[in-house]
Amino acid sequence: MAHDELTVAVLGPGGVGGLLAGLLARAGHRVICLAGETTAETLRTTGVHVRSTLFGDFTADVEAAEELREPVDVCLIAVKHTALDAALSRVPAHTLGDALLVPFLNGIEHPSLLRSRYRPDQVAPAVIRVESTRVAPGEIEHASPFAEIDLTGDPVPRERLDALAAAISAAGPTTRVLDDEAAALWAKMSFLAPFALLTTRYALPLGDVRSRHRDELAALVGETAAVSRACGGPADPAQALARYDAFPPHTKSSMQRDAEAGRPLELDAIGGALLRAAERHGVPTPVAAKLVRELSYVTSPT
């Protein structure tokens, strides 16, 4: 895969997808955003506007469609897990060609789902560290002073991963290839699950959670680390707690922001997946189970 001029589809041009679409288009790649009719029309007409302290403020022209109609080199999947099944109808397997599918999703179960619908060696999961928000269709605000990507995919030929990582890095976000898919996904999950579950359950920013619910945070971090270790991922509870302590106190999780906005929660993709992995490996997770149960009551339809 030469990285001088790729054709890249972006499924879900929101905070993450829109930022990557804009950066890749600015770098000279052909970008096709896949979205609903209204968003697609806006993107075709006005392009993607990015405001970023790291990458500058710019507008990039992109193509847009409601469904992929031609083969591409890469398809970035940047929708929420709650919207994944419906969104994949925009990417028919017979149209995709030999493209790499790169999901930027929370949780650890989506690679299996994608490999059941597409060729397994096309699925290259990625983890992104960034704070980026879609404030309107085609309007992206990138607030964090960083944008870093870990690209992985056990069945994917290494040369394909290296070529894609080089292309993304050249466009802006620092991208590295990791050899162990499970370790890469669990490294994020180990941090995300306690953060998302506790901030959402108590409707508090991270600073209040770590001071007012410290014991519960420590217990949940320990449970998550034990599950991660059983699944082949990293396990360092002390380091995880130190990372939480280093974050600004007003930090909120994306699940908490979804709850505040009345949007569907990724509870099953994060909490549910954690409990299923724990059950498979016989790891006790009483704190996680209690939080998932309580959040299920809060979010269940009346």
Protein backbone atom coordinates (compact mmCIF):
# COMPACT_ATOMS: atom_id res chain seq x y z
CA MET A 1 0.00 0.00 0.00
CA ALA A 2 1.78 3.14 -1.14
CA HIS A 3 0.98 6.06 1.11
CA ASP A 4 1.55 8.92 -1.31
CA GLU A 5 -2.08 8.98 -2.45
CA LEU A 6 -4.64 6.77 -0.75
CA THR A 7 -8.38 6.62 -1.24
CA VAL A 8 -9.82 6.64 2.28
CA ALA A 9 -13.43 6.13 3.30
CA VAL A 10 -14.43 7.54 6.69
CA LEU A 11 -17.52 5.97 8.24
CA GLY A 12 -18.78 8.44 10.83
CA PRO A 13 -17.19 11.88 10.24
CA GLY A 14 -17.70 13.01 13.85
CA GLY A 15 -15.08 14.17 16.34
CA VAL A 16 -12.50 11.51 15.55
CA GLY A 17 -13.57 10.64 12.00
CA GLY A 18 -13.95 14.26 10.97
CA LEU A 19 -10.53 15.19 12.32
CA LEU A 20 -8.86 12.30 10.48
CA ALA A 21 -10.83 13.03 7.30
CA GLY A 22 -9.71 16.64 7.35
CA LEU A 23 -6.06 15.86 8.06
CA LEU A 24 -5.82 13.12 5.42
CA ALA A 25 -7.55 15.28 2.80
CA ARG A 26 -5.24 18.19 3.59
CA ALA A 27 -2.27 15.83 3.12
CA GLY A 28 -3.41 15.08 -0.43
CA HIS A 29 -5.35 11.84 -0.03
CA ARG A 30 -8.76 11.29 -1.56
CA VAL A 31 -11.31 11.13 1.27
CA ILE A 32 -14.90 9.88 0.99
CA CYS A 33 -17.01 10.52 4.09
CA LEU A 34 -19.91 8.11 4.62
CA ALA A 35 -22.83 9.64 6.51
CA GLY A 36 -26.54 10.40 6.41
CA GLU A 37 -28.01 12.49 3.62
CA THR A 38 -27.93 15.86 5.41
CA THR A 39 -24.39 15.50 6.71
CA ALA A 40 -23.13 14.15 3.39
CA GLU A 41 -24.61 17.10 1.52
CA THR A 42 -23.00 19.56 3.97
CA LEU A 43 -19.60 17.90 3.61
CA ARG A 44 -19.82 17.87 -0.19
CA THR A 45 -20.73 21.57 -0.20
CA THR A 46 -18.47 23.08 2.44
CA GLY A 47 -15.83 20.46 3.24
CA VAL A 48 -14.45 19.73 6.70
CA HIS A 49 -13.51 22.68 8.92
CA VAL A 50 -10.98 21.85 11.64
CA ARG A 51 -9.99 24.10 14.52
CA SER A 52 -6.92 22.70 16.25
CA THR A 53 -4.17 24.16 18.41
CA LEU A 54 -1.92 21.28 17.28
CA PHE A 55 -2.66 21.15 13.55
CA GLY A 56 -3.95 24.67 12.94
CA ASP A 57 -7.29 25.90 11.61
CA PHE A 58 -8.08 24.76 8.08
CA THR A 59 -10.74 23.63 5.64
CA ALA A 60 -10.31 20.51 3.53
CA ASP A 61 -12.41 19.40 0.58
CA VAL A 62 -13.83 15.90 0.83
CA GLU A 63 -16.25 13.74 -1.10
CA ALA A 64 -19.31 12.36 0.68
CA ALA A 65 -21.87 9.64 0.12
CA GLU A 66 -24.50 7.71 2.02
CA GLU A 67 -22.99 4.37 0.96
CA LEU A 68 -19.63 3.19 -0.32
CA ARG A 69 -19.96 2.59 -4.05
CA GLU A 70 -16.37 1.77 -5.07
CA PRO A 71 -13.32 0.00 -3.66
CA VAL A 72 -10.99 2.04 -1.45
CA ASP A 73 -7.58 1.52 0.14
CA VAL A 74 -8.71 2.11 3.72
CA CYS A 75 -12.00 2.50 5.55
CA LEU A 76 -11.79 4.21 8.93
CA ILE A 77 -14.71 3.30 11.21
CA ALA A 78 -15.33 6.10 13.70
CA VAL A 79 -18.91 5.60 14.84
CA LYS A 80 -20.00 4.77 18.38
CA HIS A 81 -20.49 1.09 19.17
CA THR A 82 -24.21 1.75 19.67
CA ALA A 83 -24.46 2.82 16.01
CA LEU A 84 -22.07 0.28 14.52
CA ASP A 85 -24.49 -2.33 13.21
CA ALA A 86 -26.65 0.20 11.36
CA ALA A 87 -23.62 2.14 10.09
CA LEU A 88 -22.01 -0.94 8.53
CA SER A 89 -24.86 -1.05 6.01
CA ARG A 90 -23.03 1.89 4.40
CA VAL A 91 -20.01 -0.36 3.74
CA PRO A 92 -21.10 -3.42 1.72
CA ALA A 93 -18.48 -6.15 1.86
CA HIS A 94 -18.69 -6.75 -1.90
CA THR A 95 -17.87 -3.08 -2.57
CA LEU A 96 -15.01 -2.75 -0.12
CA GLY A 97 -12.43 -4.51 -2.26
CA ASP A 98 -9.10 -5.21 -0.54
CA ALA A 99 -9.36 -2.22 1.81
CA LEU A 100 -8.13 -2.26 5.38
CA LEU A 101 -10.96 -1.71 7.87
CA VAL A 102 -9.68 0.37 10.78
CA PRO A 103 -12.16 0.65 13.67
CA PHE A 104 -11.63 3.37 16.29
CA LEU A 105 -14.18 1.96 18.74
CA ASN A 106 -14.30 1.57 22.48
CA GLY A 107 -14.29 -1.93 23.93
CA ILE A 108 -12.67 -5.19 22.91
CA GLU A 109 -15.37 -7.19 21.09
CA HIS A 110 -15.81 -5.22 17.84
CA PRO A 111 -12.88 -6.83 15.95
CA SER A 112 -14.63 -10.21 16.17
CA LEU A 113 -17.89 -8.70 14.97
CA LEU A 114 -16.18 -7.05 12.00
CA ARG A 115 -14.27 -10.23 11.12
CA SER A 116 -17.56 -12.10 10.99
CA ARG A 117 -18.81 -9.69 8.31
CA TYR A 118 -15.62 -8.90 6.39
CA ARG A 119 -12.41 -10.75 5.59
CA PRO A 120 -10.50 -11.25 8.87
CA ASP A 121 -7.14 -10.09 7.51
CA GLN A 122 -8.68 -6.76 6.48
CA VAL A 123 -9.59 -5.73 10.05
CA ALA A 124 -6.92 -3.60 11.73
CA PRO A 125 -8.18 -2.24 15.07
CA ALA A 126 -6.84 1.11 16.24
CA VAL A 127 -6.75 3.01 19.51
CA ILE A 128 -6.67 6.80 19.42
CA ARG A 129 -5.78 9.21 22.21
CA VAL A 130 -7.37 12.54 21.37
CA GLU A 131 -10.06 14.98 22.48
CA SER A 132 -11.96 16.03 19.39
CA THR A 133 -15.60 17.06 19.05
CA ARG A 134 -18.01 17.56 16.17
CA VAL A 135 -19.83 20.78 17.04
CA ALA A 136 -21.88 20.71 13.80
CA PRO A 137 -21.76 18.71 10.55
CA GLY A 138 -18.30 19.23 9.11
CA GLU A 139 -17.19 21.41 12.06
CA ILE A 140 -14.50 19.78 14.20
CA GLU A 141 -12.84 21.18 17.32
CA HIS A 142 -9.65 19.39 18.32
CA ALA A 143 -8.90 20.53 21.86
CA SER A 144 -6.12 18.22 23.08
CA PRO A 145 -2.43 19.05 22.52
CA PHE A 146 -1.95 15.51 21.25
CA ALA A 147 -3.35 13.03 18.73
CA GLU A 148 -1.77 9.60 18.97
CA ILE A 149 -2.81 6.33 17.35
CA ASP A 150 -1.87 2.72 18.04
CA LEU A 151 -2.57 0.50 15.03
CA THR A 152 -2.70 -3.26 15.34
CA GLY A 153 -4.29 -6.35 13.81
CA ASP A 154 -2.96 -9.85 14.40
CA PRO A 155 -4.06 -11.36 11.02
CA VAL A 156 -3.12 -8.27 8.97
CA PRO A 157 0.17 -8.35 7.02
CA ARG A 158 2.67 -6.16 8.86
CA GLU A 159 3.69 -4.27 5.73
CA ARG A 160 0.11 -3.05 5.26
CA LEU A 161 0.00 -1.76 8.83
CA ASP A 162 3.37 -0.05 8.49
CA ALA A 163 2.37 1.67 5.25
CA LEU A 164 -0.90 2.95 6.72
CA ALA A 165 0.83 4.13 9.90
CA ALA A 166 3.33 6.07 7.79
CA ALA A 167 0.54 7.74 5.81
CA ILE A 168 -1.42 8.77 8.92
CA SER A 169 1.72 10.01 10.69
CA ALA A 170 2.63 12.11 7.67
CA ALA A 171 -0.84 13.69 7.84
CA GLY A 172 -0.44 14.65 11.51
CA PRO A 173 -1.35 12.10 14.22
CA THR A 174 1.63 10.18 15.60
CA THR A 175 0.91 6.57 14.66
CA ARG A 176 2.72 3.43 15.73
CA VAL A 177 2.12 -0.25 14.95
CA LEU A 178 1.79 -2.65 17.87
CA ASP A 179 2.33 -6.39 17.44
CA ASP A 180 -0.14 -7.67 20.05
CA GLU A 181 -3.79 -6.82 19.30
CA ALA A 182 -5.18 -8.01 22.65
CA ALA A 183 -2.58 -6.04 24.60
CA ALA A 184 -3.29 -2.88 22.60
CA LEU A 185 -7.07 -3.08 23.08
CA TRP A 186 -6.87 -3.99 26.76
CA ALA A 187 -4.41 -1.17 27.45
CA LYS A 188 -7.21 1.24 26.53
CA MET A 189 -10.00 -0.82 28.08
CA SER A 190 -8.15 -0.98 31.42
CA PHE A 191 -8.18 2.81 31.62
CA LEU A 192 -11.53 3.45 29.99
CA ALA A 193 -13.81 1.06 31.89
CA PRO A 194 -13.30 2.45 35.43
CA PHE A 195 -13.30 6.03 34.12
CA ALA A 196 -16.51 5.62 32.10
CA LEU A 197 -18.47 3.54 34.60
CA LEU A 198 -17.75 5.68 37.66
CA THR A 199 -18.08 9.14 36.12
CA THR A 200 -21.36 8.11 34.50
CA ARG A 201 -22.77 6.31 37.54
CA TYR A 202 -22.19 9.27 39.85
CA ALA A 203 -22.59 12.04 37.24
CA LEU A 204 -19.34 13.56 38.46
CA PRO A 205 -16.13 14.64 36.75
CA LEU A 206 -13.00 12.60 37.34
CA GLY A 207 -11.65 14.85 40.09
CA ASP A 208 -14.72 14.30 42.26
CA VAL A 209 -14.76 10.58 41.53
CA ARG A 210 -11.16 10.10 42.58
CA SER A 211 -11.64 12.06 45.82
CA ARG A 212 -15.18 11.09 46.87
CA HIS A 213 -15.21 7.51 45.55
CA ARG A 214 -11.52 6.63 45.90
CA ASP A 215 -12.00 3.18 47.39
CA GLU A 216 -14.46 2.17 44.69
CA LEU A 217 -12.14 3.51 41.99
CA ALA A 218 -9.20 1.54 43.39
CA ALA A 219 -11.27 -1.64 43.64
CA LEU A 220 -12.58 -1.28 40.09
CA VAL A 221 -9.09 -0.58 38.74
CA GLY A 222 -7.90 -3.76 40.45
CA GLU A 223 -10.73 -5.83 38.96
CA THR A 224 -10.15 -4.44 35.46
CA ALA A 225 -6.41 -5.08 35.71
CA ALA A 226 -7.06 -8.70 36.70
CA VAL A 227 -9.34 -9.24 33.71
CA SER A 228 -6.83 -7.55 31.42
CA ARG A 229 -4.05 -9.82 32.70
CA ALA A 230 -6.20 -12.91 32.09
CA CYS A 231 -6.86 -11.73 28.51
CA GLY A 232 -3.20 -11.08 27.71
CA GLY A 233 -3.24 -7.35 28.36
CA PRO A 234 -1.28 -5.08 30.72
CA ALA A 235 -2.03 -5.05 34.43
CA ASP A 236 -0.61 -2.30 36.63
CA PRO A 237 -3.26 -0.91 39.00
CA ALA A 238 -0.89 1.56 40.65
CA GLN A 239 0.07 3.04 37.29
CA ALA A 240 -3.60 3.28 36.30
CA LEU A 241 -4.46 5.18 39.48
CA ALA A 242 -1.52 7.51 38.88
CA ARG A 243 -2.85 8.24 35.37
CA TYR A 244 -6.28 9.15 36.76
CA ASP A 245 -4.65 11.41 39.34
CA ALA A 246 -2.71 13.22 36.60
CA PHE A 247 -5.81 14.17 34.59
CA PRO A 248 -7.42 17.60 35.07
CA PRO A 249 -10.16 17.34 37.71
CA HIS A 250 -12.91 18.56 35.38
CA THR A 251 -12.35 15.69 32.91
CA LYS A 252 -15.49 13.79 31.90
CA SER A 253 -15.79 10.48 30.07
CA SER A 254 -17.49 10.23 26.69
CA MET A 255 -20.08 7.91 28.25
CA GLN A 256 -20.87 10.56 30.86
CA ARG A 257 -21.26 13.18 28.13
CA ASP A 258 -23.59 10.83 26.25
CA ALA A 259 -25.67 10.38 29.42
CA GLU A 260 -25.89 14.14 29.93
CA ALA A 261 -27.05 14.59 26.34
CA GLY A 262 -29.60 11.76 26.50
CA ARG A 263 -27.73 9.72 23.89
CA PRO A 264 -27.46 5.89 23.97
CA LEU A 265 -24.65 4.67 26.20
CA GLU A 266 -21.85 2.31 25.22
CA LEU A 267 -22.54 0.43 28.45
CA ASP A 268 -22.61 -3.00 26.85
CA ALA A 269 -19.49 -2.38 24.74
CA ILE A 270 -17.52 -1.30 27.81
CA GLY A 271 -19.08 -2.65 31.01
CA GLY A 272 -20.82 -5.61 29.42
CA ALA A 273 -17.69 -6.67 27.54
CA LEU A 274 -15.63 -6.40 30.73
CA LEU A 275 -18.05 -8.67 32.61
CA ARG A 276 -18.18 -11.21 29.76
CA ALA A 277 -14.38 -11.40 29.63
CA ALA A 278 -14.26 -11.77 33.42
CA GLU A 279 -16.77 -14.63 33.31
CA ARG A 280 -14.84 -16.44 30.57
CA HIS A 281 -11.67 -16.37 32.67
CA GLY A 282 -13.24 -16.86 36.09
CA VAL A 283 -12.16 -13.45 37.42
CA PRO A 284 -14.43 -12.02 40.16
CA THR A 285 -15.64 -8.47 39.40
CA PRO A 286 -18.24 -7.52 42.03
CA VAL A 287 -17.71 -3.76 41.79
CA ALA A 288 -17.94 -3.75 38.00
CA ALA A 289 -21.05 -5.94 38.09
CA LYS A 290 -22.73 -3.61 40.60
CA LEU A 291 -21.99 -0.50 38.51
CA VAL A 292 -23.17 -2.08 35.26
CA ARG A 293 -26.35 -3.26 36.99
CA GLU A 294 -27.04 0.18 38.45
CA LEU A 295 -26.34 1.93 35.14
CA SER A 296 -28.62 -0.55 33.36
CA TYR A 297 -31.47 0.44 35.65
CA VAL A 298 -30.83 4.12 34.99
CA THR A 299 -30.68 3.74 31.21
CA SER A 300 -33.36 1.08 30.65
CA PRO A 301 -36.48 2.31 28.87
CA THR A 302 -39.46 2.96 31.11
